[in-house]
Protein backbone atom coordinates (compact mmCIF):
# COMPACT_ATOMS: atom_id res chain seq x y z
CA MET A 1 52.13 103.30 216.76
CA SER A 2 48.37 103.93 217.43
CA ALA A 3 46.09 101.10 218.77
CA CYS A 4 44.23 99.07 216.06
CA PRO A 5 40.61 100.19 215.98
CA PHE A 6 39.48 96.68 215.09
CA CYS A 7 41.35 95.07 218.09
CA ALA A 8 39.60 97.44 220.46
CA VAL A 9 36.28 97.81 218.71
CA ASP A 10 33.85 99.87 220.69
CA ARG A 11 30.75 99.20 218.50
CA PRO A 12 28.06 96.60 219.10
CA LEU A 13 28.73 93.26 217.60
CA LEU A 14 26.35 92.04 214.89
CA ALA A 15 27.80 88.49 215.03
CA GLN A 16 30.76 86.79 216.81
CA SER A 17 32.55 83.55 217.32
CA ASP A 18 35.80 82.45 219.04
CA LEU A 19 37.80 83.46 215.95
CA ALA A 20 35.96 86.44 214.40
CA VAL A 21 33.57 89.27 214.98
CA ALA A 22 31.34 91.43 212.84
CA PHE A 23 30.30 95.09 213.41
CA ALA A 24 28.94 98.15 211.52
CA ASP A 25 31.53 99.95 209.43
CA GLY A 26 32.43 103.32 210.94
CA ARG A 27 32.27 104.95 207.53
CA PRO A 28 29.49 103.07 205.85
CA VAL A 29 28.94 103.39 202.14
CA SER A 30 25.33 102.12 202.41
CA PRO A 31 22.91 101.39 205.18
CA GLY A 32 23.99 98.09 206.84
CA HIS A 33 27.65 98.13 205.69
CA THR A 34 29.29 95.61 207.96
CA LEU A 35 32.86 94.45 208.56
CA VAL A 36 33.81 90.85 209.48
CA VAL A 37 37.22 90.67 211.14
CA PRO A 38 39.44 88.01 212.80
CA ARG A 39 39.76 88.47 216.52
CA ARG A 40 43.47 87.93 216.26
CA HIS A 41 45.36 90.91 214.88
CA VAL A 42 46.71 90.12 211.39
CA ALA A 43 47.44 92.79 208.84
CA GLY A 44 45.97 90.99 205.82
CA TYR A 45 43.56 88.23 204.93
CA PHE A 46 46.24 85.98 203.56
CA GLU A 47 47.95 85.92 207.02
CA CYS A 48 44.89 84.31 208.54
CA THR A 49 45.00 80.62 209.44
CA PRO A 50 42.67 78.23 207.44
CA ALA A 51 40.39 78.07 210.51
CA GLU A 52 40.12 81.88 210.68
CA LYS A 53 39.42 82.21 206.96
CA ALA A 54 36.71 79.56 207.22
CA GLU A 55 35.15 81.36 210.22
CA LEU A 56 35.34 84.80 208.45
CA TRP A 57 33.30 83.41 205.58
CA ARG A 58 30.86 81.67 207.90
CA LEU A 59 30.23 84.97 209.63
CA VAL A 60 29.83 86.68 206.25
CA GLU A 61 26.91 84.25 205.58
CA GLU A 62 25.36 84.99 209.04
CA VAL A 63 25.81 88.77 208.51
CA ARG A 64 24.17 88.63 205.07
CA ALA A 65 21.12 86.73 206.43
CA ARG A 66 20.83 89.36 209.20
CA LEU A 67 21.22 92.24 206.79
CA LEU A 68 18.59 90.72 204.47
CA GLU A 69 16.09 90.65 207.34
CA ALA A 70 16.95 94.05 208.78
CA TYR A 71 17.53 96.14 205.64
CA ARG A 72 15.96 94.30 202.73
CA PRO A 73 18.74 95.17 200.26
CA ASP A 74 18.42 94.16 196.62
CA GLY A 75 22.07 92.77 196.40
CA PHE A 76 25.42 92.77 198.08
CA ASN A 77 29.07 93.60 197.36
CA VAL A 78 31.39 91.39 199.40
CA GLY A 79 35.14 91.84 199.31
CA LEU A 80 38.37 92.83 200.89
CA ASN A 81 41.34 95.07 200.30
CA ASP A 82 44.66 93.36 201.06
CA GLY A 83 47.56 95.81 201.44
CA ALA A 84 47.95 99.55 201.05
CA ALA A 85 48.37 99.37 197.27
CA ALA A 86 44.87 97.71 197.20
CA GLY A 87 43.33 100.52 199.23
CA GLN A 88 43.42 98.89 202.70
CA THR A 89 43.57 101.70 205.24
CA VAL A 90 43.10 99.77 208.58
CA HIS A 91 45.82 97.08 208.59
CA HIS A 92 43.83 94.45 210.37
CA ALA A 93 42.27 91.96 207.99
CA HIS A 94 38.61 92.56 207.33
CA ILE A 95 35.86 91.64 204.84
CA HIS A 96 33.32 94.21 203.71
CA VAL A 97 29.70 93.14 203.49
CA ILE A 98 27.98 95.99 201.61
CA PRO A 99 24.23 95.95 201.06
CA ARG A 100 23.18 97.34 197.72
CA TYR A 101 19.86 98.92 196.83
CA ALA A 102 18.11 99.26 193.45
CA GLY A 103 18.83 102.81 192.24
CA ASP A 104 21.67 103.50 194.73
CA VAL A 105 23.83 104.35 191.71
CA VAL A 106 22.73 105.22 188.11
CA ASP A 107 24.40 102.09 186.61
CA PRO A 108 25.54 99.27 188.93
CA ARG A 109 27.55 97.41 186.37
CA GLY A 110 31.17 97.16 187.58
CA GLY A 111 30.16 96.45 191.16
CA VAL A 112 32.29 98.07 193.76
CA ARG A 113 33.92 100.19 191.05
CA ASN A 114 30.76 102.28 191.13
CA ALA A 115 29.37 101.44 194.57
CA VAL A 116 31.37 103.98 196.48
CA GLY A 117 31.68 106.69 193.79
CA GLU A 118 30.29 109.40 196.03
CA HIS A 119 32.00 108.13 199.21
CA LYS A 120 34.87 110.33 200.24
CA PRO A 121 38.21 108.49 200.74
CA HIS A 122 39.81 108.27 204.09
CA PRO A 123 42.20 111.25 204.78
């Protein structure tokens, strides 16, 4: 079994606490795309403790504020994939904070359904 890339993250941290960290996505779908992950290795969001879940969402708020200042996006998609059937490819719980920009897709209706249309899936 290979090492978890989120347990041994080698990217600068955008935000952190005792229970969670945030860092740039390695395969961003837009400028500023950030992941918020629990420090403890758990495969899915629903395995997190109530304290971890609260801290993940607190960091999502902090990340959003920092991204607003740094990138000036027009909106955000925030979400998670829980389990392989839902598209999760790294089995360490994580929340995506994806800045969105006016005109980044022809028709933004449908949110994430259209946000990553041109993004190539993981191999």
